[in-house]
């Protein structure tokens, strides 16, 4: 009787251990996929840094993927002079229709879609002050991004910083399985 009881307890323990392992694995897989989806909305699977930003991207990429030119610049964002602002990461995106501000940054500055902002960017040793109107407030699900990122339409006066080609495959399997 004792032997059967010990066997039943051992078997129950093994079954519970396997069940917990299956549940934890499923949770981690869901977490990984969610994190990957959030991350790839901000950073595409492939970023290319050309030697010269005026160089065209090879046609193989343009035929199989969506290609966008972006420039990263440091900046300082504020609502009006004399009011404390925030240091931000400015991402100037070709073809972006409106200014996008991270949700946490919008909360800190107390702004919403339609509000005016002033953005000071530095590049090539000089400062430029630009007036912006908030088009949308985005929530990426990543606190630091929502707190520090501003996406603006690319403009000729936004020079300096780092220029990249963002390459996003048109189909999920184009450049290998990522998730």
Foldseek 3Di string as FASTA:
>chain_A
DVVVVVVVVVVVVVVVVVVVVVVVVVVVVVVVVLVVVLVCVVAPPDKAFDPDVVDDDPVVLVVFWDKKKKFWFWKWKAQDPPDHTDIAIEIAIAPDPFKEAQPQRCVVRVHAAQGKMWMWTDFPHDIDIDIGGHHHYDYSVDVVCSNHYMYGHDDPVPDHGGMIMGTHGPDCPPPHHDD
